[in-house]
Each structure stands twice: as structure tokens, then as C-alpha cells.
All heavy atoms as atom14 arrays in JSON, in Angstrom:
{
  "sequence": "AWMFWEQNQHEGVIAVRAALACYPHRTADATPERMAAL",
  "atom14_mask": [
    [1, 1, 1, 1, 1, 0, 0, 0, 0, 0, 0, 0, 0, 0],
    [1, 1, 1, 1, 1, 1, 1, 1, 1, 1, 1, 1, 1, 1],
    [1, 1, 1, 1, 1, 1, 1, 1, 0, 0, 0, 0, 0, 0],
    [1, 1, 1, 1, 1, 1, 1, 1, 1, 1, 1, 0, 0, 0],
    [1, 1, 1, 1, 1, 1, 1, 1, 1, 1, 1, 1, 1, 1],
    [1, 1, 1, 1, 1, 1, 1, 1, 1, 0, 0, 0, 0, 0],
    [1, 1, 1, 1, 1, 1, 1, 1, 1, 0, 0, 0, 0, 0],
    [1, 1, 1, 1, 1, 1, 1, 1, 0, 0, 0, 0, 0, 0],
    [1, 1, 1, 1, 1, 1, 1, 1, 1, 0, 0, 0, 0, 0],
    [1, 1, 1, 1, 1, 1, 1, 1, 1, 1, 0, 0, 0, 0],
    [1, 1, 1, 1, 1, 1, 1, 1, 1, 0, 0, 0, 0, 0],
    [1, 1, 1, 1, 0, 0, 0, 0, 0, 0, 0, 0, 0, 0],
    [1, 1, 1, 1, 1, 1, 1, 0, 0, 0, 0, 0, 0, 0],
    [1, 1, 1, 1, 1, 1, 1, 1, 0, 0, 0, 0, 0, 0],
    [1, 1, 1, 1, 1, 0, 0, 0, 0, 0, 0, 0, 0, 0],
    [1, 1, 1, 1, 1, 1, 1, 0, 0, 0, 0, 0, 0, 0],
    [1, 1, 1, 1, 1, 1, 1, 1, 1, 1, 1, 0, 0, 0],
    [1, 1, 1, 1, 1, 0, 0, 0, 0, 0, 0, 0, 0, 0],
    [1, 1, 1, 1, 1, 0, 0, 0, 0, 0, 0, 0, 0, 0],
    [1, 1, 1, 1, 1, 1, 1, 1, 0, 0, 0, 0, 0, 0],
    [1, 1, 1, 1, 1, 0, 0, 0, 0, 0, 0, 0, 0, 0],
    [1, 1, 1, 1, 1, 1, 0, 0, 0, 0, 0, 0, 0, 0],
    [1, 1, 1, 1, 1, 1, 1, 1, 1, 1, 1, 1, 0, 0],
    [1, 1, 1, 1, 1, 1, 1, 0, 0, 0, 0, 0, 0, 0],
    [1, 1, 1, 1, 1, 1, 1, 1, 1, 1, 0, 0, 0, 0],
    [1, 1, 1, 1, 1, 1, 1, 1, 1, 1, 1, 0, 0, 0],
    [1, 1, 1, 1, 1, 1, 1, 0, 0, 0, 0, 0, 0, 0],
    [1, 1, 1, 1, 1, 0, 0, 0, 0, 0, 0, 0, 0, 0],
    [1, 1, 1, 1, 1, 1, 1, 1, 0, 0, 0, 0, 0, 0],
    [1, 1, 1, 1, 1, 0, 0, 0, 0, 0, 0, 0, 0, 0],
    [1, 1, 1, 1, 1, 1, 1, 0, 0, 0, 0, 0, 0, 0],
    [1, 1, 1, 1, 1, 1, 1, 0, 0, 0, 0, 0, 0, 0],
    [1, 1, 1, 1, 1, 1, 1, 1, 1, 0, 0, 0, 0, 0],
    [1, 1, 1, 1, 1, 1, 1, 1, 1, 1, 1, 0, 0, 0],
    [1, 1, 1, 1, 1, 1, 1, 1, 0, 0, 0, 0, 0, 0],
    [1, 1, 1, 1, 1, 0, 0, 0, 0, 0, 0, 0, 0, 0],
    [1, 1, 1, 1, 1, 0, 0, 0, 0, 0, 0, 0, 0, 0],
    [1, 1, 1, 1, 1, 1, 1, 1, 0, 0, 0, 0, 0, 0]
  ],
  "atom14_positions": [
    [[0.83, -1.2, 0.0], [0.0, 0.0, 0.0], [0.87, 1.25, 0.0], [0.61, 2.21, -0.75], [-0.93, 0.0, 1.21], [0.0, 0.0, 0.0], [0.0, 0.0, 0.0], [0.0, 0.0, 0.0], [0.0, 0.0, 0.0], [0.0, 0.0, 0.0], [0.0, 0.0, 0.0], [0.0, 0.0, 0.0], [0.0, 0.0, 0.0], [0.0, 0.0, 0.0]],
    [[1.93, 1.27, 0.81], [2.84, 2.41, 0.82], [3.57, 2.55, -0.51], [3.8, 3.66, -1.0], [3.85, 2.28, 1.96], [3.32, 2.7, 3.29], [2.97, 1.9, 4.35], [3.06, 4.04, 3.72], [2.52, 2.66, 5.39], [2.56, 3.97, 5.04], [3.2, 5.29, 3.12], [2.21, 5.12, 5.76], [2.85, 6.43, 3.84], [2.37, 6.34, 5.14]],
    [[3.91, 1.44, -1.12], [4.6, 1.48, -2.41], [3.68, 2.0, -3.52], [4.11, 2.75, -4.39], [5.17, 0.11, -2.75], [6.26, -0.35, -1.78], [6.82, -2.04, -2.03], [7.83, -1.84, -3.51], [0.0, 0.0, 0.0], [0.0, 0.0, 0.0], [0.0, 0.0, 0.0], [0.0, 0.0, 0.0], [0.0, 0.0, 0.0], [0.0, 0.0, 0.0]],
    [[2.4, 1.6, -3.47], [1.45, 2.13, -4.44], [1.25, 3.63, -4.21], [1.18, 4.41, -5.16], [0.1, 1.41, -4.32], [0.14, -0.06, -4.63], [-0.74, -0.94, -4.01], [1.06, -0.6, -5.52], [-0.72, -2.29, -4.29], [1.09, -1.95, -5.8], [0.19, -2.8, -5.18], [0.0, 0.0, 0.0], [0.0, 0.0, 0.0], [0.0, 0.0, 0.0]],
    [[1.17, 4.02, -2.94], [0.99, 5.43, -2.58], [2.18, 6.26, -3.05], [2.01, 7.38, -3.53], [0.82, 5.54, -1.07], [0.61, 6.92, -0.54], [-0.55, 7.64, -0.53], [1.6, 7.77, 0.08], [-0.35, 8.87, 0.06], [0.96, 8.97, 0.45], [2.95, 7.61, 0.37], [1.63, 10.02, 1.08], [3.63, 8.65, 1.01], [2.96, 9.84, 1.35]],
    [[3.37, 5.69, -2.96], [4.57, 6.4, -3.39], [4.47, 6.77, -4.87], [4.77, 7.91, -5.26], [5.81, 5.54, -3.14], [7.13, 6.23, -3.42], [7.72, 5.9, -4.78], [7.14, 5.02, -5.49], [8.74, 6.5, -5.14], [0.0, 0.0, 0.0], [0.0, 0.0, 0.0], [0.0, 0.0, 0.0], [0.0, 0.0, 0.0], [0.0, 0.0, 0.0]],
    [[4.04, 5.85, -5.7], [3.96, 6.13, -7.12], [2.73, 6.96, -7.48], [2.78, 7.81, -8.36], [3.95, 4.83, -7.93], [5.3, 4.13, -7.99], [6.3, 4.88, -8.85], [6.22, 4.9, -10.06], [7.28, 5.51, -8.2], [0.0, 0.0, 0.0], [0.0, 0.0, 0.0], [0.0, 0.0, 0.0], [0.0, 0.0, 0.0], [0.0, 0.0, 0.0]],
    [[1.63, 6.74, -6.78], [0.37, 7.4, -7.11], [0.27, 8.82, -6.55], [-0.38, 9.68, -7.15], [-0.8, 6.55, -6.6], [-2.15, 7.13, -6.95], [-2.81, 7.73, -6.11], [-2.55, 6.96, -8.2], [0.0, 0.0, 0.0], [0.0, 0.0, 0.0], [0.0, 0.0, 0.0], [0.0, 0.0, 0.0], [0.0, 0.0, 0.0], [0.0, 0.0, 0.0]],
    [[0.9, 9.09, -5.4], [0.78, 10.37, -4.73], [2.13, 11.08, -4.54], [2.35, 12.17, -5.05], [0.11, 10.17, -3.35], [-1.27, 9.56, -3.4], [-2.31, 10.52, -3.94], [-2.22, 11.73, -3.68], [-3.26, 10.03, -4.69], [0.0, 0.0, 0.0], [0.0, 0.0, 0.0], [0.0, 0.0, 0.0], [0.0, 0.0, 0.0], [0.0, 0.0, 0.0]],
    [[3.02, 10.42, -3.83], [4.27, 11.02, -3.37], [5.19, 11.41, -4.54], [5.66, 12.54, -4.63], [4.95, 10.01, -2.43], [6.22, 10.44, -1.8], [7.44, 10.38, -2.45], [6.49, 10.9, -0.56], [8.39, 10.77, -1.64], [7.85, 11.11, -0.48], [0.0, 0.0, 0.0], [0.0, 0.0, 0.0], [0.0, 0.0, 0.0], [0.0, 0.0, 0.0]],
    [[5.46, 10.46, -5.43], [6.43, 10.7, -6.5], [5.99, 11.81, -7.44], [6.8, 12.61, -7.89], [6.66, 9.39, -7.27], [7.89, 9.42, -8.16], [7.55, 9.47, -9.63], [6.38, 9.63, -9.96], [8.48, 9.35, -10.44], [0.0, 0.0, 0.0], [0.0, 0.0, 0.0], [0.0, 0.0, 0.0], [0.0, 0.0, 0.0], [0.0, 0.0, 0.0]],
    [[4.69, 11.9, -7.7], [4.18, 12.91, -8.61], [4.22, 14.32, -8.07], [3.94, 15.28, -8.8], [0.0, 0.0, 0.0], [0.0, 0.0, 0.0], [0.0, 0.0, 0.0], [0.0, 0.0, 0.0], [0.0, 0.0, 0.0], [0.0, 0.0, 0.0], [0.0, 0.0, 0.0], [0.0, 0.0, 0.0], [0.0, 0.0, 0.0], [0.0, 0.0, 0.0]],
    [[4.57, 14.47, -6.79], [4.69, 15.79, -6.18], [6.13, 16.04, -5.73], [6.79, 16.97, -6.19], [3.73, 15.94, -4.98], [3.98, 17.26, -4.26], [2.29, 15.83, -5.44], [0.0, 0.0, 0.0], [0.0, 0.0, 0.0], [0.0, 0.0, 0.0], [0.0, 0.0, 0.0], [0.0, 0.0, 0.0], [0.0, 0.0, 0.0], [0.0, 0.0, 0.0]],
    [[6.64, 15.18, -4.86], [7.98, 15.37, -4.3], [9.03, 15.31, -5.4], [9.9, 16.18, -5.52], [8.27, 14.31, -3.22], [7.2, 14.32, -2.11], [9.67, 14.51, -2.63], [7.15, 15.57, -1.29], [0.0, 0.0, 0.0], [0.0, 0.0, 0.0], [0.0, 0.0, 0.0], [0.0, 0.0, 0.0], [0.0, 0.0, 0.0], [0.0, 0.0, 0.0]],
    [[8.97, 14.27, -6.22], [9.96, 14.11, -7.29], [9.78, 15.14, -8.39], [10.76, 15.65, -8.94], [9.89, 12.7, -7.87], [0.0, 0.0, 0.0], [0.0, 0.0, 0.0], [0.0, 0.0, 0.0], [0.0, 0.0, 0.0], [0.0, 0.0, 0.0], [0.0, 0.0, 0.0], [0.0, 0.0, 0.0], [0.0, 0.0, 0.0], [0.0, 0.0, 0.0]],
    [[8.55, 15.47, -8.71], [8.3, 16.41, -9.79], [8.81, 17.8, -9.42], [9.43, 18.48, -10.24], [6.8, 16.45, -10.15], [6.47, 17.65, -11.03], [6.4, 15.16, -10.86], [0.0, 0.0, 0.0], [0.0, 0.0, 0.0], [0.0, 0.0, 0.0], [0.0, 0.0, 0.0], [0.0, 0.0, 0.0], [0.0, 0.0, 0.0], [0.0, 0.0, 0.0]],
    [[8.58, 18.24, -8.18], [9.09, 19.57, -7.79], [10.62, 19.61, -7.86], [11.21, 20.6, -8.31], [8.61, 19.96, -6.4], [8.83, 21.44, -6.1], [8.21, 21.87, -4.77], [8.07, 23.31, -4.69], [9.04, 24.16, -4.33], [10.24, 23.68, -4.01], [8.83, 25.46, -4.29], [0.0, 0.0, 0.0], [0.0, 0.0, 0.0], [0.0, 0.0, 0.0]],
    [[11.25, 18.53, -7.42], [12.71, 18.47, -7.51], [13.18, 18.49, -8.95], [14.16, 19.17, -9.29], [13.22, 17.22, -6.8], [0.0, 0.0, 0.0], [0.0, 0.0, 0.0], [0.0, 0.0, 0.0], [0.0, 0.0, 0.0], [0.0, 0.0, 0.0], [0.0, 0.0, 0.0], [0.0, 0.0, 0.0], [0.0, 0.0, 0.0], [0.0, 0.0, 0.0]],
    [[12.48, 17.78, -9.83], [12.86, 17.74, -11.24], [12.71, 19.11, -11.88], [13.57, 19.55, -12.66], [12.01, 16.71, -11.98], [0.0, 0.0, 0.0], [0.0, 0.0, 0.0], [0.0, 0.0, 0.0], [0.0, 0.0, 0.0], [0.0, 0.0, 0.0], [0.0, 0.0, 0.0], [0.0, 0.0, 0.0], [0.0, 0.0, 0.0], [0.0, 0.0, 0.0]],
    [[11.63, 19.8, -11.57], [11.42, 21.13, -12.13], [12.5, 22.1, -11.66], [12.89, 23.01, -12.4], [10.03, 21.66, -11.73], [8.83, 20.93, -12.33], [7.53, 21.51, -11.78], [8.83, 21.01, -13.84], [0.0, 0.0, 0.0], [0.0, 0.0, 0.0], [0.0, 0.0, 0.0], [0.0, 0.0, 0.0], [0.0, 0.0, 0.0], [0.0, 0.0, 0.0]],
    [[12.97, 21.89, -10.44], [13.98, 22.78, -9.88], [15.39, 22.46, -10.38], [16.24, 23.35, -10.44], [13.94, 22.72, -8.35], [0.0, 0.0, 0.0], [0.0, 0.0, 0.0], [0.0, 0.0, 0.0], [0.0, 0.0, 0.0], [0.0, 0.0, 0.0], [0.0, 0.0, 0.0], [0.0, 0.0, 0.0], [0.0, 0.0, 0.0], [0.0, 0.0, 0.0]],
    [[15.64, 21.19, -10.73], [17.02, 20.75, -10.98], [17.35, 20.46, -12.43], [18.52, 20.58, -12.82], [17.31, 19.5, -10.14], [17.22, 19.77, -8.35], [0.0, 0.0, 0.0], [0.0, 0.0, 0.0], [0.0, 0.0, 0.0], [0.0, 0.0, 0.0], [0.0, 0.0, 0.0], [0.0, 0.0, 0.0], [0.0, 0.0, 0.0], [0.0, 0.0, 0.0]],
    [[16.38, 20.06, -13.25], [16.67, 19.68, -14.62], [16.48, 20.89, -15.55], [15.37, 21.44, -15.62], [15.77, 18.55, -15.09], [16.06, 17.22, -14.44], [15.02, 16.45, -13.89], [17.35, 16.69, -14.39], [15.28, 15.21, -13.31], [17.61, 15.47, -13.81], [16.57, 14.73, -13.27], [16.82, 13.52, -12.7], [0.0, 0.0, 0.0], [0.0, 0.0, 0.0]],
    [[17.52, 21.3, -16.26], [17.4, 22.46, -17.15], [16.27, 22.33, -18.18], [15.61, 23.33, -18.5], [18.77, 22.51, -17.84], [19.71, 21.88, -16.87], [18.91, 20.78, -16.22], [0.0, 0.0, 0.0], [0.0, 0.0, 0.0], [0.0, 0.0, 0.0], [0.0, 0.0, 0.0], [0.0, 0.0, 0.0], [0.0, 0.0, 0.0], [0.0, 0.0, 0.0]],
    [[16.03, 21.11, -18.66], [15.0, 20.96, -19.69], [13.58, 21.02, -19.12], [12.61, 21.0, -19.88], [15.2, 19.65, -20.46], [14.96, 18.41, -19.66], [15.85, 17.94, -18.73], [13.91, 17.55, -19.64], [15.38, 16.83, -18.18], [14.2, 16.59, -18.72], [0.0, 0.0, 0.0], [0.0, 0.0, 0.0], [0.0, 0.0, 0.0], [0.0, 0.0, 0.0]],
    [[13.47, 21.12, -17.77], [12.15, 21.23, -17.15], [11.85, 22.63, -16.62], [10.75, 22.87, -16.1], [12.05, 20.22, -15.98], [12.23, 18.75, -16.33], [11.05, 18.18, -17.08], [9.81, 18.26, -16.33], [9.4, 17.31, -15.46], [10.16, 16.24, -15.25], [8.24, 17.43, -14.85], [0.0, 0.0, 0.0], [0.0, 0.0, 0.0], [0.0, 0.0, 0.0]],
    [[12.81, 23.53, -16.71], [12.66, 24.84, -16.06], [11.48, 25.64, -16.62], [10.88, 26.45, -15.91], [13.95, 25.67, -16.17], [14.34, 25.76, -17.55], [15.08, 25.04, -15.38], [0.0, 0.0, 0.0], [0.0, 0.0, 0.0], [0.0, 0.0, 0.0], [0.0, 0.0, 0.0], [0.0, 0.0, 0.0], [0.0, 0.0, 0.0], [0.0, 0.0, 0.0]],
    [[11.16, 25.45, -17.88], [10.05, 26.2, -18.47], [8.73, 25.88, -17.79], [7.79, 26.7, -17.79], [9.95, 25.91, -19.97], [0.0, 0.0, 0.0], [0.0, 0.0, 0.0], [0.0, 0.0, 0.0], [0.0, 0.0, 0.0], [0.0, 0.0, 0.0], [0.0, 0.0, 0.0], [0.0, 0.0, 0.0], [0.0, 0.0, 0.0], [0.0, 0.0, 0.0]],
    [[8.63, 24.7, -17.21], [7.4, 24.29, -16.53], [7.38, 24.7, -15.06], [6.37, 24.52, -14.38], [7.24, 22.77, -16.61], [7.08, 22.29, -18.05], [6.41, 22.99, -18.82], [7.62, 21.22, -18.38], [0.0, 0.0, 0.0], [0.0, 0.0, 0.0], [0.0, 0.0, 0.0], [0.0, 0.0, 0.0], [0.0, 0.0, 0.0], [0.0, 0.0, 0.0]],
    [[8.49, 25.24, -14.57], [8.59, 25.58, -13.15], [8.06, 26.98, -12.89], [8.77, 27.88, -12.4], [10.04, 25.46, -12.69], [0.0, 0.0, 0.0], [0.0, 0.0, 0.0], [0.0, 0.0, 0.0], [0.0, 0.0, 0.0], [0.0, 0.0, 0.0], [0.0, 0.0, 0.0], [0.0, 0.0, 0.0], [0.0, 0.0, 0.0], [0.0, 0.0, 0.0]],
    [[6.79, 27.2, -13.2], [6.18, 28.5, -12.95], [6.02, 28.71, -11.45], [5.9, 27.74, -10.69], [4.82, 28.6, -13.62], [3.95, 27.63, -13.02], [4.91, 28.34, -15.11], [0.0, 0.0, 0.0], [0.0, 0.0, 0.0], [0.0, 0.0, 0.0], [0.0, 0.0, 0.0], [0.0, 0.0, 0.0], [0.0, 0.0, 0.0], [0.0, 0.0, 0.0]],
    [[6.02, 29.94, -10.97], [5.83, 30.18, -9.53], [4.55, 29.55, -8.99], [4.54, 29.01, -7.88], [5.78, 31.71, -9.44], [6.57, 32.18, -10.61], [6.29, 31.19, -11.71], [0.0, 0.0, 0.0], [0.0, 0.0, 0.0], [0.0, 0.0, 0.0], [0.0, 0.0, 0.0], [0.0, 0.0, 0.0], [0.0, 0.0, 0.0], [0.0, 0.0, 0.0]],
    [[3.5, 29.6, -9.79], [2.23, 29.02, -9.33], [2.33, 27.51, -9.16], [1.85, 26.95, -8.16], [1.11, 29.36, -10.33], [0.79, 30.84, -10.46], [1.79, 31.6, -11.32], [2.61, 30.96, -12.01], [1.74, 32.85, -11.29], [0.0, 0.0, 0.0], [0.0, 0.0, 0.0], [0.0, 0.0, 0.0], [0.0, 0.0, 0.0], [0.0, 0.0, 0.0]],
    [[2.95, 26.85, -10.13], [3.06, 25.4, -10.04], [3.99, 24.99, -8.91], [3.7, 24.04, -8.18], [3.56, 24.81, -11.37], [3.5, 23.29, -11.37], [3.88, 22.68, -12.68], [3.66, 21.25, -12.67], [4.14, 20.41, -13.58], [4.87, 20.88, -14.6], [3.91, 19.12, -13.5], [0.0, 0.0, 0.0], [0.0, 0.0, 0.0], [0.0, 0.0, 0.0]],
    [[5.1, 25.69, -8.75], [6.03, 25.35, -7.68], [5.4, 25.54, -6.31], [5.62, 24.74, -5.39], [7.3, 26.18, -7.82], [8.11, 25.89, -9.1], [8.68, 24.18, -9.23], [10.16, 24.26, -8.19], [0.0, 0.0, 0.0], [0.0, 0.0, 0.0], [0.0, 0.0, 0.0], [0.0, 0.0, 0.0], [0.0, 0.0, 0.0], [0.0, 0.0, 0.0]],
    [[4.6, 26.59, -6.17], [3.93, 26.84, -4.9], [2.9, 25.75, -4.6], [2.78, 25.28, -3.46], [3.26, 28.21, -4.92], [0.0, 0.0, 0.0], [0.0, 0.0, 0.0], [0.0, 0.0, 0.0], [0.0, 0.0, 0.0], [0.0, 0.0, 0.0], [0.0, 0.0, 0.0], [0.0, 0.0, 0.0], [0.0, 0.0, 0.0], [0.0, 0.0, 0.0]],
    [[2.17, 25.34, -5.63], [1.17, 24.29, -5.44], [1.83, 22.97, -5.08], [1.34, 22.23, -4.2], [0.33, 24.14, -6.72], [0.0, 0.0, 0.0], [0.0, 0.0, 0.0], [0.0, 0.0, 0.0], [0.0, 0.0, 0.0], [0.0, 0.0, 0.0], [0.0, 0.0, 0.0], [0.0, 0.0, 0.0], [0.0, 0.0, 0.0], [0.0, 0.0, 0.0]],
    [[2.94, 22.66, -5.72], [3.66, 21.42, -5.41], [4.26, 21.47, -4.0], [4.28, 20.45, -3.3], [4.77, 21.19, -6.43], [4.31, 20.77, -7.83], [5.47, 20.83, -8.82], [3.71, 19.36, -7.8], [0.0, 0.0, 0.0], [0.0, 0.0, 0.0], [0.0, 0.0, 0.0], [0.0, 0.0, 0.0], [0.0, 0.0, 0.0], [0.0, 0.0, 0.0]]
  ]
}
């Protein structure tokens, strides 16, 4: 259940915010509004 939650909930927020902040090819998607929501 925790492993399913990790992929369904956690990864799509925690990992995505880190990716937007760290990967140059994702910076265009790192709008202030999206980063705040994440």
C-alpha cells in the first residue's frame, strides 16, 4: 500500500518539484504558481 501510494501520490509531487527545480529541460514548466502548489 505504501509502495502504491509512493507512485500514485508522493512521487508525482515530491519528485516532480525536484525535477522542475534541478533539470534544465524542465525549467520552463517551473512556474511560480506550479512550484507553490507542489
